[in-house]
């Protein structure tokens, strides 16, 4: 039973860290998403990275 409690605590810490990290990024405005999608179609790697990062 102690192993289960430890696993839950570790999971909660991981989730808290993840939420803290993604909280550093502003959500994309829909117009910006469209712009990035158009740039991605033209093989713009920076646009792809921005879109992926924003959707974490």
PDB file of N, CA and C in Angstrom:
ATOM      1  N   UNK A   1       0.818  -1.190   0.000  1.00  0.00           N
ATOM      2  CA  UNK A   1       0.000   0.000   0.000  1.00  0.00           C
ATOM      3  C   UNK A   1       0.864   1.258   0.000  1.00  0.00           C
ATOM      4  N   UNK A   2       2.009   1.207   0.673  1.00  0.00           N
ATOM      5  CA  UNK A   2       2.901   2.363   0.709  1.00  0.00           C
ATOM      6  C   UNK A   2       3.429   2.685  -0.681  1.00  0.00           C
ATOM      7  N   UNK A   3       3.641   1.649  -1.495  1.00  0.00           N
ATOM      8  CA  UNK A   3       4.120   1.870  -2.860  1.00  0.00           C
ATOM      9  C   UNK A   3       3.097   2.647  -3.678  1.00  0.00           C
ATOM     10  N   UNK A   4       1.827   2.351  -3.475  1.00  0.00           N
ATOM     11  CA  UNK A   4       0.770   3.050  -4.207  1.00  0.00           C
ATOM     12  C   UNK A   4       0.747   4.518  -3.810  1.00  0.00           C
ATOM     13  N   UNK A   5       0.828   4.790  -2.522  1.00  0.00           N
ATOM     14  CA  UNK A   5       0.842   6.174  -2.046  1.00  0.00           C
ATOM     15  C   UNK A   5       2.037   6.937  -2.584  1.00  0.00           C
ATOM     16  N   UNK A   6       3.194   6.296  -2.605  1.00  0.00           N
ATOM     17  CA  UNK A   6       4.404   6.927  -3.135  1.00  0.00           C
ATOM     18  C   UNK A   6       4.245   7.229  -4.619  1.00  0.00           C
ATOM     19  N   UNK A   7       3.681   6.294  -5.362  1.00  0.00           N
ATOM     20  CA  UNK A   7       3.471   6.492  -6.803  1.00  0.00           C
ATOM     21  C   UNK A   7       2.508   7.645  -7.058  1.00  0.00           C
ATOM     22  N   UNK A   8       1.470   7.740  -6.251  1.00  0.00           N
ATOM     23  CA  UNK A   8       0.510   8.842  -6.406  1.00  0.00           C
ATOM     24  C   UNK A   8       1.178  10.173  -6.113  1.00  0.00           C
ATOM     25  N   UNK A   9       1.985  10.241  -5.055  1.00  0.00           N
ATOM     26  CA  UNK A   9       2.690  11.484  -4.727  1.00  0.00           C
ATOM     27  C   UNK A   9       3.634  11.902  -5.845  1.00  0.00           C
ATOM     28  N   UNK A  10       4.363  10.945  -6.403  1.00  0.00           N
ATOM     29  CA  UNK A  10       5.274  11.248  -7.506  1.00  0.00           C
ATOM     30  C   UNK A  10       4.499  11.736  -8.720  1.00  0.00           C
ATOM     31  N   UNK A  11       3.376  11.112  -8.988  1.00  0.00           N
ATOM     32  CA  UNK A  11       2.536  11.517 -10.111  1.00  0.00           C
ATOM     33  C   UNK A  11       2.007  12.931  -9.907  1.00  0.00           C
ATOM     34  N   UNK A  12       1.576  13.240  -8.703  1.00  0.00           N
ATOM     35  CA  UNK A  12       1.076  14.585  -8.400  1.00  0.00           C
ATOM     36  C   UNK A  12       2.168  15.635  -8.565  1.00  0.00           C
ATOM     37  N   UNK A  13       3.377  15.318  -8.136  1.00  0.00           N
ATOM     38  CA  UNK A  13       4.493  16.260  -8.296  1.00  0.00           C
ATOM     39  C   UNK A  13       4.797  16.490  -9.770  1.00  0.00           C
ATOM     40  N   UNK A  14       4.786  15.413 -10.539  1.00  0.00           N
ATOM     41  CA  UNK A  14       5.046  15.536 -11.978  1.00  0.00           C
ATOM     42  C   UNK A  14       3.982  16.386 -12.653  1.00  0.00           C
ATOM     43  N   UNK A  15       2.736  16.151 -12.303  1.00  0.00           N
ATOM     44  CA  UNK A  15       1.643  16.928 -12.876  1.00  0.00           C
ATOM     45  C   UNK A  15       1.764  18.395 -12.488  1.00  0.00           C
ATOM     46  N   UNK A  16       2.097  18.661 -11.250  1.00  0.00           N
ATOM     47  CA  UNK A  16       2.262  20.046 -10.797  1.00  0.00           C
ATOM     48  C   UNK A  16       3.373  20.749 -11.566  1.00  0.00           C
ATOM     49  N   UNK A  17       4.485  20.054 -11.779  1.00  0.00           N
ATOM     50  CA  UNK A  17       5.591  20.643 -12.547  1.00  0.00           C
ATOM     51  C   UNK A  17       5.176  20.921 -13.980  1.00  0.00           C
ATOM     52  N   UNK A  18       4.462  19.980 -14.575  1.00  0.00           N
ATOM     53  CA  UNK A  18       3.998  20.152 -15.952  1.00  0.00           C
ATOM     54  C   UNK A  18       3.072  21.360 -16.053  1.00  0.00           C
ATOM     55  N   UNK A  19       2.111  21.462 -15.156  1.00  0.00           N
ATOM     56  CA  UNK A  19       1.170  22.585 -15.186  1.00  0.00           C
ATOM     57  C   UNK A  19       1.881  23.917 -14.968  1.00  0.00           C
ATOM     58  N   UNK A  20       2.878  23.918 -14.109  1.00  0.00           N
ATOM     59  CA  UNK A  20       3.665  25.131 -13.876  1.00  0.00           C
ATOM     60  C   UNK A  20       4.397  25.546 -15.152  1.00  0.00           C
ATOM     61  N   UNK A  21       4.982  24.582 -15.839  1.00  0.00           N
ATOM     62  CA  UNK A  21       5.719  24.879 -17.071  1.00  0.00           C
ATOM     63  C   UNK A  21       4.803  25.388 -18.176  1.00  0.00           C
ATOM     64  N   UNK A  22       3.678  24.737 -18.391  1.00  0.00           N
ATOM     65  CA  UNK A  22       2.803  25.174 -19.482  1.00  0.00           C
ATOM     66  C   UNK A  22       2.130  26.497 -19.167  1.00  0.00           C
ATOM     67  N   UNK A  23       2.065  26.840 -17.890  1.00  0.00           N
ATOM     68  CA  UNK A  23       1.493  28.124 -17.495  1.00  0.00           C
ATOM     69  C   UNK A  23       2.351  29.305 -17.919  1.00  0.00           C
ATOM     70  N   UNK A  24       3.575  29.046 -18.324  1.00  0.00           N
ATOM     71  CA  UNK A  24       4.483  30.110 -18.762  1.00  0.00           C
ATOM     72  C   UNK A  24       4.176  30.582 -20.180  1.00  0.00           C
ATOM     73  N   UNK A  25       3.351  29.824 -20.902  1.00  0.00           N
ATOM     74  CA  UNK A  25       3.055  30.146 -22.289  1.00  0.00           C
ATOM     75  C   UNK A  25       1.644  30.691 -22.427  1.00  0.00           C
ATOM     76  N   UNK A  26       1.518  31.752 -23.210  1.00  0.00           N
ATOM     77  CA  UNK A  26       0.205  32.329 -23.488  1.00  0.00           C
ATOM     78  C   UNK A  26      -0.504  31.488 -24.545  1.00  0.00           C
ATOM     79  N   UNK A  27      -1.817  31.305 -24.396  1.00  0.00           N
ATOM     80  CA  UNK A  27      -2.554  30.600 -25.451  1.00  0.00           C
ATOM     81  C   UNK A  27      -2.522  31.405 -26.749  1.00  0.00           C
ATOM     82  N   UNK A  28      -2.549  30.706 -27.859  1.00  0.00           N
ATOM     83  CA  UNK A  28      -2.527  31.380 -29.155  1.00  0.00           C
ATOM     84  C   UNK A  28      -3.913  31.904 -29.514  1.00  0.00           C
ATOM     85  N   UNK A  29      -3.926  33.068 -30.112  1.00  0.00           N
ATOM     86  CA  UNK A  29      -5.167  33.614 -30.670  1.00  0.00           C
ATOM     87  C   UNK A  29      -5.468  32.816 -31.940  1.00  0.00           C
ATOM     88  N   UNK A  30      -6.740  32.565 -32.232  1.00  0.00           N
ATOM     89  CA  UNK A  30      -7.075  31.782 -33.439  1.00  0.00           C
ATOM     90  C   UNK A  30      -6.445  32.333 -34.728  1.00  0.00           C
ATOM     91  N   UNK A  31      -6.361  33.652 -34.849  1.00  0.00           N
ATOM     92  CA  UNK A  31      -5.727  34.233 -36.042  1.00  0.00           C
ATOM     93  C   UNK A  31      -4.252  33.853 -36.126  1.00  0.00           C
ATOM     94  N   UNK A  32      -3.601  33.795 -34.974  1.00  0.00           N
ATOM     95  CA  UNK A  32      -2.187  33.416 -34.938  1.00  0.00           C
ATOM     96  C   UNK A  32      -2.036  31.940 -35.327  1.00  0.00           C
ATOM     97  N   UNK A  33      -2.960  31.103 -34.890  1.00  0.00           N
ATOM     98  CA  UNK A  33      -2.918  29.692 -35.268  1.00  0.00           C
ATOM     99  C   UNK A  33      -3.010  29.530 -36.780  1.00  0.00           C
ATOM    100  N   UNK A  34      -3.886  30.297 -37.400  1.00  0.00           N
ATOM    101  CA  UNK A  34      -4.037  30.235 -38.861  1.00  0.00           C
ATOM    102  C   UNK A  34      -2.746  30.678 -39.537  1.00  0.00           C
ATOM    103  N   UNK A  35      -2.180  31.770 -39.041  1.00  0.00           N
ATOM    104  CA  UNK A  35      -0.924  32.273 -39.610  1.00  0.00           C
ATOM    105  C   UNK A  35       0.178  31.219 -39.495  1.00  0.00           C
ATOM    106  N   UNK A  36       0.288  30.613 -38.328  1.00  0.00           N
ATOM    107  CA  UNK A  36       1.315  29.586 -38.137  1.00  0.00           C
ATOM    108  C   UNK A  36       1.074  28.388 -39.047  1.00  0.00           C
ATOM    109  N   UNK A  37      -0.168  27.981 -39.189  1.00  0.00           N
ATOM    110  CA  UNK A  37      -0.490  26.849 -40.067  1.00  0.00           C
ATOM    111  C   UNK A  37      -0.078  27.135 -41.502  1.00  0.00           C
ATOM    112  N   UNK A  38      -0.307  28.355 -41.950  1.00  0.00           N
ATOM    113  CA  UNK A  38       0.086  28.726 -43.315  1.00  0.00           C
ATOM    114  C   UNK A  38       1.602  28.697 -43.467  1.00  0.00           C
ATOM    115  N   UNK A  39       2.299  29.161 -42.452  1.00  0.00           N
ATOM    116  CA  UNK A  39       3.764  29.136 -42.495  1.00  0.00           C
ATOM    117  C   UNK A  39       4.293  27.704 -42.441  1.00  0.00           C
ATOM    118  N   UNK A  40       3.631  26.861 -41.670  1.00  0.00           N
ATOM    119  CA  UNK A  40       4.049  25.460 -41.572  1.00  0.00           C
ATOM    120  C   UNK A  40       3.904  24.769 -42.921  1.00  0.00           C
ATOM    121  N   UNK A  41       2.860  25.094 -43.661  1.00  0.00           N
ATOM    122  CA  UNK A  41       2.676  24.526 -45.001  1.00  0.00           C
ATOM    123  C   UNK A  41       3.841  24.879 -45.915  1.00  0.00           C
ATOM    124  N   UNK A  42       4.514  25.988 -45.605  1.00  0.00           N
ATOM    125  CA  UNK A  42       5.675  26.421 -46.390  1.00  0.00           C
ATOM    126  C   UNK A  42       6.978  25.936 -45.748  1.00  0.00           C
ATOM    127  N   UNK A  43       6.863  24.938 -44.865  1.00  0.00           N
ATOM    128  CA  UNK A  43       8.022  24.316 -44.199  1.00  0.00           C
ATOM    129  C   UNK A  43       8.775  25.244 -43.253  1.00  0.00           C
ATOM    130  N   UNK A  44       8.065  26.122 -42.583  1.00  0.00           N
ATOM    131  CA  UNK A  44       8.675  27.021 -41.599  1.00  0.00           C
ATOM    132  C   UNK A  44       8.785  26.279 -40.263  1.00  0.00           C
ATOM    133  N   UNK A  45       9.998  25.879 -39.917  1.00  0.00           N
ATOM    134  CA  UNK A  45      10.231  25.091 -38.700  1.00  0.00           C
ATOM    135  C   UNK A  45       9.963  25.898 -37.433  1.00  0.00           C
ATOM    136  N   UNK A  46      10.252  27.192 -37.462  1.00  0.00           N
ATOM    137  CA  UNK A  46       9.992  28.017 -36.275  1.00  0.00           C
ATOM    138  C   UNK A  46       8.501  28.106 -35.981  1.00  0.00           C
ATOM    139  N   UNK A  47       7.711  28.206 -37.042  1.00  0.00           N
ATOM    140  CA  UNK A  47       6.258  28.256 -36.871  1.00  0.00           C
ATOM    141  C   UNK A  47       5.760  26.945 -36.271  1.00  0.00           C
ATOM    142  N   UNK A  48       6.311  25.843 -36.732  1.00  0.00           N
ATOM    143  CA  UNK A  48       5.927  24.538 -36.199  1.00  0.00           C
ATOM    144  C   UNK A  48       6.269  24.447 -34.715  1.00  0.00           C
ATOM    145  N   UNK A  49       7.467  24.876 -34.370  1.00  0.00           N
ATOM    146  CA  UNK A  49       7.887  24.832 -32.967  1.00  0.00           C
ATOM    147  C   UNK A  49       6.974  25.701 -32.108  1.00  0.00           C
ATOM    148  N   UNK A  50       6.631  26.881 -32.583  1.00  0.00           N
ATOM    149  CA  UNK A  50       5.756  27.773 -31.822  1.00  0.00           C
ATOM    150  C   UNK A  50       4.380  27.149 -31.614  1.00  0.00           C
ATOM    151  N   UNK A  51       3.835  26.557 -32.663  1.00  0.00           N
ATOM    152  CA  UNK A  51       2.510  25.944 -32.564  1.00  0.00           C
ATOM    153  C   UNK A  51       2.525  24.760 -31.596  1.00  0.00           C
ATOM    154  N   UNK A  52       3.527  23.924 -31.708  1.00  0.00           N
ATOM    155  CA  UNK A  52       3.622  22.761 -30.821  1.00  0.00           C
ATOM    156  C   UNK A  52       3.799  23.204 -29.375  1.00  0.00           C
ATOM    157  N   UNK A  53       4.685  24.145 -29.146  1.00  0.00           N
ATOM    158  CA  UNK A  53       4.940  24.629 -27.792  1.00  0.00           C
ATOM    159  C   UNK A  53       3.700  25.260 -27.183  1.00  0.00           C
ATOM    160  N   UNK A  54       2.967  26.000 -27.981  1.00  0.00           N
ATOM    161  CA  UNK A  54       1.769  26.672 -27.474  1.00  0.00           C
ATOM    162  C   UNK A  54       0.666  25.690 -27.126  1.00  0.00           C
ATOM    163  N   UNK A  55       0.714  24.504 -27.696  1.00  0.00           N
ATOM    164  CA  UNK A  55      -0.343  23.522 -27.452  1.00  0.00           C
ATOM    165  C   UNK A  55       0.066  22.430 -26.473  1.00  0.00           C
ATOM    166  N   UNK A  56       1.051  22.709 -25.649  1.00  0.00           N
ATOM    167  CA  UNK A  56       1.435  21.734 -24.632  1.00  0.00           C
ATOM    168  C   UNK A  56       0.390  21.700 -23.558  1.00  0.00           C
TER     169      UNK A  56
END
